[in-house]
C-alpha atoms as a PDB file:
ATOM      1  CA  UNK A   1      87.977  18.031 -11.877  1.00  0.00           C
ATOM      2  CA  UNK A   2      89.636  16.115  -9.071  1.00  0.00           C
ATOM      3  CA  UNK A   3      92.997  14.452  -9.572  1.00  0.00           C
ATOM      4  CA  UNK A   4      93.262  10.733 -10.201  1.00  0.00           C
ATOM      5  CA  UNK A   5      93.793   8.589  -7.114  1.00  0.00           C
ATOM      6  CA  UNK A   6      95.516   5.293  -7.864  1.00  0.00           C
ATOM      7  CA  UNK A   7      97.334   2.606  -5.891  1.00  0.00           C
ATOM      8  CA  UNK A   8      96.379   0.865  -2.671  1.00  0.00           C
ATOM      9  CA  UNK A   9      93.451   2.228  -0.701  1.00  0.00           C
ATOM     10  CA  UNK A  10      91.096   0.721   1.851  1.00  0.00           C
ATOM     11  CA  UNK A  11      87.317   0.818   1.571  1.00  0.00           C
ATOM     12  CA  UNK A  12      86.891   3.305   4.409  1.00  0.00           C
ATOM     13  CA  UNK A  13      89.252   5.806   2.780  1.00  0.00           C
ATOM     14  CA  UNK A  14      87.510   5.439  -0.592  1.00  0.00           C
ATOM     15  CA  UNK A  15      84.077   6.076   0.920  1.00  0.00           C
ATOM     16  CA  UNK A  16      85.406   9.071   2.859  1.00  0.00           C
ATOM     17  CA  UNK A  17      86.973  10.630  -0.256  1.00  0.00           C
ATOM     18  CA  UNK A  18      83.837   9.958  -2.291  1.00  0.00           C
ATOM     19  CA  UNK A  19      81.698  11.678   0.379  1.00  0.00           C
ATOM     20  CA  UNK A  20      84.080  14.661   0.172  1.00  0.00           C
ATOM     21  CA  UNK A  21      83.380  14.978  -3.556  1.00  0.00           C
ATOM     22  CA  UNK A  22      86.217  12.969  -5.068  1.00  0.00           C
ATOM     23  CA  UNK A  23      85.154  10.818  -8.035  1.00  0.00           C
ATOM     24  CA  UNK A  24      88.410   9.862  -9.781  1.00  0.00           C
ATOM     25  CA  UNK A  25      89.676   6.514  -8.430  1.00  0.00           C
ATOM     26  CA  UNK A  26      91.022   4.863 -11.590  1.00  0.00           C
ATOM     27  CA  UNK A  27      93.677   2.146 -11.137  1.00  0.00           C
ATOM     28  CA  UNK A  28      92.985   1.958  -7.375  1.00  0.00           C
ATOM     29  CA  UNK A  29      93.694  -1.386  -5.673  1.00  0.00           C
ATOM     30  CA  UNK A  30      90.720  -2.522  -3.576  1.00  0.00           C
ATOM     31  CA  UNK A  31      91.302  -6.256  -3.744  1.00  0.00           C
ATOM     32  CA  UNK A  32      88.972  -8.121  -1.338  1.00  0.00           C
ATOM     33  CA  UNK A  33      87.580  -4.798  -0.023  1.00  0.00           C
ATOM     34  CA  UNK A  34      84.178  -4.706   1.681  1.00  0.00           C
ATOM     35  CA  UNK A  35      82.173  -2.157  -0.290  1.00  0.00           C
ATOM     36  CA  UNK A  36      78.783  -3.701   0.390  1.00  0.00           C
ATOM     37  CA  UNK A  37      75.917  -1.180   0.184  1.00  0.00           C
ATOM     38  CA  UNK A  38      78.196   1.782  -0.690  1.00  0.00           C
ATOM     39  CA  UNK A  39      77.099   4.499  -3.103  1.00  0.00           C
ATOM     40  CA  UNK A  40      79.697   5.301  -5.768  1.00  0.00           C
ATOM     41  CA  UNK A  41      77.399   6.795  -8.407  1.00  0.00           C
ATOM     42  CA  UNK A  42      79.315   8.223 -11.400  1.00  0.00           C
ATOM     43  CA  UNK A  43      82.704   7.363  -9.897  1.00  0.00           C
ATOM     44  CA  UNK A  44      85.702   6.627 -12.110  1.00  0.00           C
ATOM     45  CA  UNK A  45      87.007   3.180 -11.179  1.00  0.00           C
ATOM     46  CA  UNK A  46      88.509   2.512 -14.595  1.00  0.00           C
ATOM     47  CA  UNK A  47      91.268  -0.115 -14.424  1.00  0.00           C
ATOM     48  CA  UNK A  48      90.607  -0.636 -10.688  1.00  0.00           C
ATOM     49  CA  UNK A  49      91.526  -3.940  -9.054  1.00  0.00           C
ATOM     50  CA  UNK A  50      88.398  -5.147  -7.257  1.00  0.00           C
ATOM     51  CA  UNK A  51      89.289  -8.839  -7.317  1.00  0.00           C
ATOM     52  CA  UNK A  52      87.192 -10.675  -4.742  1.00  0.00           C
ATOM     53  CA  UNK A  53      85.642  -7.421  -3.465  1.00  0.00           C
ATOM     54  CA  UNK A  54      82.182  -7.399  -1.860  1.00  0.00           C
ATOM     55  CA  UNK A  55      80.037  -4.909  -3.779  1.00  0.00           C
ATOM     56  CA  UNK A  56      76.715  -6.526  -2.930  1.00  0.00           C
ATOM     57  CA  UNK A  57      73.843  -4.028  -2.918  1.00  0.00           C
ATOM     58  CA  UNK A  58      76.287  -1.270  -3.977  1.00  0.00           C
ATOM     59  CA  UNK A  59      74.963   1.678  -5.994  1.00  0.00           C
ATOM     60  CA  UNK A  60      77.246   2.015  -9.013  1.00  0.00           C
ATOM     61  CA  UNK A  61      74.832   3.886 -11.305  1.00  0.00           C
ATOM     62  CA  UNK A  62      76.769   5.437 -14.246  1.00  0.00           C
ATOM     63  CA  UNK A  63      80.077   4.330 -12.695  1.00  0.00           C
ATOM     64  CA  UNK A  64      83.031   3.747 -15.053  1.00  0.00           C
ATOM     65  CA  UNK A  65      84.500   0.306 -14.406  1.00  0.00           C
ATOM     66  CA  UNK A  66      85.985  -0.097 -17.892  1.00  0.00           C
ATOM     67  CA  UNK A  67      88.911  -2.535 -17.950  1.00  0.00           C
ATOM     68  CA  UNK A  68      88.539  -3.062 -14.177  1.00  0.00           C
ATOM     69  CA  UNK A  69      89.276  -6.452 -12.635  1.00  0.00           C
ATOM     70  CA  UNK A  70      86.261  -7.789 -10.716  1.00  0.00           C
ATOM     71  CA  UNK A  71      87.259 -11.451 -10.835  1.00  0.00           C
ATOM     72  CA  UNK A  72      85.321 -13.417  -8.190  1.00  0.00           C
ATOM     73  CA  UNK A  73      83.713 -10.207  -6.884  1.00  0.00           C
ATOM     74  CA  UNK A  74      80.309 -10.271  -5.172  1.00  0.00           C
ATOM     75  CA  UNK A  75      77.947  -7.858  -6.946  1.00  0.00           C
ATOM     76  CA  UNK A  76      74.736  -9.525  -5.789  1.00  0.00           C
ATOM     77  CA  UNK A  77      71.847  -7.049  -6.222  1.00  0.00           C
ATOM     78  CA  UNK A  78      74.221  -4.222  -7.178  1.00  0.00           C
ATOM     79  CA  UNK A  79      72.821  -1.238  -9.114  1.00  0.00           C
ATOM     80  CA  UNK A  80      74.955  -0.871 -12.250  1.00  0.00           C
ATOM     81  CA  UNK A  81      72.376   0.950 -14.374  1.00  0.00           C
ATOM     82  CA  UNK A  82      74.087   2.666 -17.336  1.00  0.00           C
ATOM     83  CA  UNK A  83      77.517   1.681 -15.994  1.00  0.00           C
ATOM     84  CA  UNK A  84      80.529   1.596 -18.308  1.00  0.00           C
ATOM     85  CA  UNK A  85      81.885  -1.947 -18.082  1.00  0.00           C
ATOM     86  CA  UNK A  86      83.649  -2.423 -21.414  1.00  0.00           C
ATOM     87  CA  UNK A  87      86.570  -4.850 -21.354  1.00  0.00           C
ATOM     88  CA  UNK A  88      86.151  -5.388 -17.602  1.00  0.00           C
ATOM     89  CA  UNK A  89      86.749  -8.834 -16.116  1.00  0.00           C
ATOM     90  CA  UNK A  90      83.906 -10.387 -14.133  1.00  0.00           C
ATOM     91  CA  UNK A  91      85.272 -13.942 -14.363  1.00  0.00           C
ATOM     92  CA  UNK A  92      83.450 -16.128 -11.793  1.00  0.00           C
ATOM     93  CA  UNK A  93      81.761 -13.044 -10.285  1.00  0.00           C
ATOM     94  CA  UNK A  94      78.343 -13.152  -8.600  1.00  0.00           C
ATOM     95  CA  UNK A  95      76.081 -10.712 -10.447  1.00  0.00           C
ATOM     96  CA  UNK A  96      72.855 -12.413  -9.408  1.00  0.00           C
ATOM     97  CA  UNK A  97      69.944  -9.960  -9.154  1.00  0.00           C
ATOM     98  CA  UNK A  98      72.236  -7.111 -10.305  1.00  0.00           C
ATOM     99  CA  UNK A  99      70.717  -4.368 -12.439  1.00  0.00           C
ATOM    100  CA  UNK A 100      72.974  -3.802 -15.461  1.00  0.00           C
ATOM    101  CA  UNK A 101      70.256  -2.310 -17.662  1.00  0.00           C
ATOM    102  CA  UNK A 102      71.485   0.151 -20.287  1.00  0.00           C
ATOM    103  CA  UNK A 103      75.052  -0.803 -19.382  1.00  0.00           C
ATOM    104  CA  UNK A 104      77.955  -0.913 -21.810  1.00  0.00           C
ATOM    105  CA  UNK A 105      79.638  -4.317 -21.621  1.00  0.00           C
ATOM    106  CA  UNK A 106      81.546  -4.319 -24.928  1.00  0.00           C
ATOM    107  CA  UNK A 107      84.091  -7.182 -24.934  1.00  0.00           C
ATOM    108  CA  UNK A 108      83.465  -7.780 -21.225  1.00  0.00           C
ATOM    109  CA  UNK A 109      84.634 -11.072 -19.698  1.00  0.00           C
ATOM    110  CA  UNK A 110      81.669 -12.644 -17.896  1.00  0.00           C
ATOM    111  CA  UNK A 111      83.035 -16.205 -18.144  1.00  0.00           C
ATOM    112  CA  UNK A 112      81.758 -18.482 -15.355  1.00  0.00           C
ATOM    113  CA  UNK A 113      79.764 -15.593 -13.823  1.00  0.00           C
ATOM    114  CA  UNK A 114      76.376 -15.970 -12.140  1.00  0.00           C
ATOM    115  CA  UNK A 115      73.823 -13.663 -13.776  1.00  0.00           C
ATOM    116  CA  UNK A 116      70.748 -15.346 -12.279  1.00  0.00           C
ATOM    117  CA  UNK A 117      67.776 -12.968 -12.201  1.00  0.00           C
ATOM    118  CA  UNK A 118      70.015 -10.114 -13.386  1.00  0.00           C
ATOM    119  CA  UNK A 119      68.544  -7.286 -15.465  1.00  0.00           C
ATOM    120  CA  UNK A 120      70.582  -6.713 -18.634  1.00  0.00           C
ATOM    121  CA  UNK A 121      67.747  -5.086 -20.584  1.00  0.00           C
ATOM    122  CA  UNK A 122      68.964  -2.740 -23.310  1.00  0.00           C
ATOM    123  CA  UNK A 123      72.598  -3.486 -22.405  1.00  0.00           C
ATOM    124  CA  UNK A 124      75.349  -3.553 -25.019  1.00  0.00           C
ATOM    125  CA  UNK A 125      77.028  -6.964 -24.800  1.00  0.00           C
ATOM    126  CA  UNK A 126      78.710  -6.855 -28.209  1.00  0.00           C
ATOM    127  CA  UNK A 127      81.549  -9.408 -28.308  1.00  0.00           C
ATOM    128  CA  UNK A 128      81.091 -10.173 -24.590  1.00  0.00           C
ATOM    129  CA  UNK A 129      82.336 -13.536 -23.325  1.00  0.00           C
ATOM    130  CA  UNK A 130      79.502 -15.315 -21.502  1.00  0.00           C
ATOM    131  CA  UNK A 131      81.076 -18.780 -21.720  1.00  0.00           C
ATOM    132  CA  UNK A 132      79.696 -21.115 -19.039  1.00  0.00           C
ATOM    133  CA  UNK A 133      77.711 -18.244 -17.498  1.00  0.00           C
ATOM    134  CA  UNK A 134      74.551 -18.951 -15.495  1.00  0.00           C
ATOM    135  CA  UNK A 135      71.629 -17.054 -17.013  1.00  0.00           C
ATOM    136  CA  UNK A 136      68.656 -18.192 -14.943  1.00  0.00           C
ATOM    137  CA  UNK A 137      65.589 -15.962 -15.411  1.00  0.00           C
ATOM    138  CA  UNK A 138      67.893 -13.223 -16.715  1.00  0.00           C
ATOM    139  CA  UNK A 139      66.283 -10.285 -18.536  1.00  0.00           C
ATOM    140  CA  UNK A 140      68.013  -9.560 -21.854  1.00  0.00           C
ATOM    141  CA  UNK A 141      65.116  -7.563 -23.348  1.00  0.00           C
ATOM    142  CA  UNK A 142      66.476  -5.367 -26.162  1.00  0.00           C
ATOM    143  CA  UNK A 143      70.099  -6.279 -25.359  1.00  0.00           C
ATOM    144  CA  UNK A 144      72.689  -6.293 -28.139  1.00  0.00           C
ATOM    145  CA  UNK A 145      74.554  -9.612 -28.064  1.00  0.00           C
ATOM    146  CA  UNK A 146      76.137  -9.267 -31.499  1.00  0.00           C
ATOM    147  CA  UNK A 147      79.105 -11.671 -31.746  1.00  0.00           C
ATOM    148  CA  UNK A 148      78.779 -12.520 -28.025  1.00  0.00           C
ATOM    149  CA  UNK A 149      80.030 -15.927 -26.906  1.00  0.00           C
ATOM    150  CA  UNK A 150      77.346 -17.903 -25.051  1.00  0.00           C
ATOM    151  CA  UNK A 151      79.089 -21.283 -25.460  1.00  0.00           C
ATOM    152  CA  UNK A 152      78.085 -23.673 -22.664  1.00  0.00           C
ATOM    153  CA  UNK A 153      76.037 -20.929 -20.958  1.00  0.00           C
ATOM    154  CA  UNK A 154      73.141 -22.181 -18.867  1.00  0.00           C
ATOM    155  CA  UNK A 155      69.988 -20.524 -20.221  1.00  0.00           C
ATOM    156  CA  UNK A 156      66.830 -21.173 -18.194  1.00  0.00           C
ATOM    157  CA  UNK A 157      63.842 -18.843 -18.453  1.00  0.00           C
ATOM    158  CA  UNK A 158      65.859 -16.082 -20.134  1.00  0.00           C
ATOM    159  CA  UNK A 159      63.938 -13.186 -21.720  1.00  0.00           C
ATOM    160  CA  UNK A 160      65.396 -12.369 -25.150  1.00  0.00           C
ATOM    161  CA  UNK A 161      62.470 -10.189 -26.348  1.00  0.00           C
ATOM    162  CA  UNK A 162      63.852  -7.745 -28.942  1.00  0.00           C
ATOM    163  CA  UNK A 163      67.461  -8.814 -28.300  1.00  0.00           C
ATOM    164  CA  UNK A 164      70.006  -8.829 -31.124  1.00  0.00           C
ATOM    165  CA  UNK A 165      71.906 -12.111 -31.432  1.00  0.00           C
ATOM    166  CA  UNK A 166      73.600 -11.558 -34.802  1.00  0.00           C
ATOM    167  CA  UNK A 167      76.595 -13.897 -35.144  1.00  0.00           C
ATOM    168  CA  UNK A 168      76.405 -14.822 -31.443  1.00  0.00           C
ATOM    169  CA  UNK A 169      77.860 -18.195 -30.512  1.00  0.00           C
ATOM    170  CA  UNK A 170      75.035 -20.105 -28.873  1.00  0.00           C
ATOM    171  CA  UNK A 171      75.394 -22.573 -25.951  1.00  0.00           C
ATOM    172  CA  UNK A 172      75.592 -25.559 -28.322  1.00  0.00           C
ATOM    173  CA  UNK A 173      78.368 -23.894 -30.370  1.00  0.00           C
ATOM    174  CA  UNK A 174      76.201 -22.903 -33.336  1.00  0.00           C
ATOM    175  CA  UNK A 175      76.404 -19.367 -34.675  1.00  0.00           C
ATOM    176  CA  UNK A 176      73.115 -17.451 -34.642  1.00  0.00           C
ATOM    177  CA  UNK A 177      72.244 -15.756 -37.933  1.00  0.00           C
END
């Protein structure tokens, strides 16, 4: 197992270390980094600072981003299949067309995020904060939204087939039974 790399790092150095086999980048600071189209499958980016980073079209399959800060990050069309995203902050992030299927988003902050056309099928969104989130044609098939907060979320053409909404706070403030 490789040792944990934390602190400031630029995108080029991260990609180089990943290509050399390193996977442990928890607590790394990559604020505003350009990581568009990079492959970081199964990397550990737990507690990383990716505020304002460009991760559009990035491959983050099975990547651990638990408790990471992705505030205002661009994850347009990113592949986050089966990613670990619990307690991460995606406040005002662009996750449009991202694939988050089978992801773990327990208590994740998605407030003010854009999830238009995103795939969240079979994702765990228990206690996630989706306040004021844009969910346009978003796929939530089989997703678990137990106790999730959807207050003031914009829901247009969302697929909820087989989703669990037990005790979820709906856009109008009512609690789903």
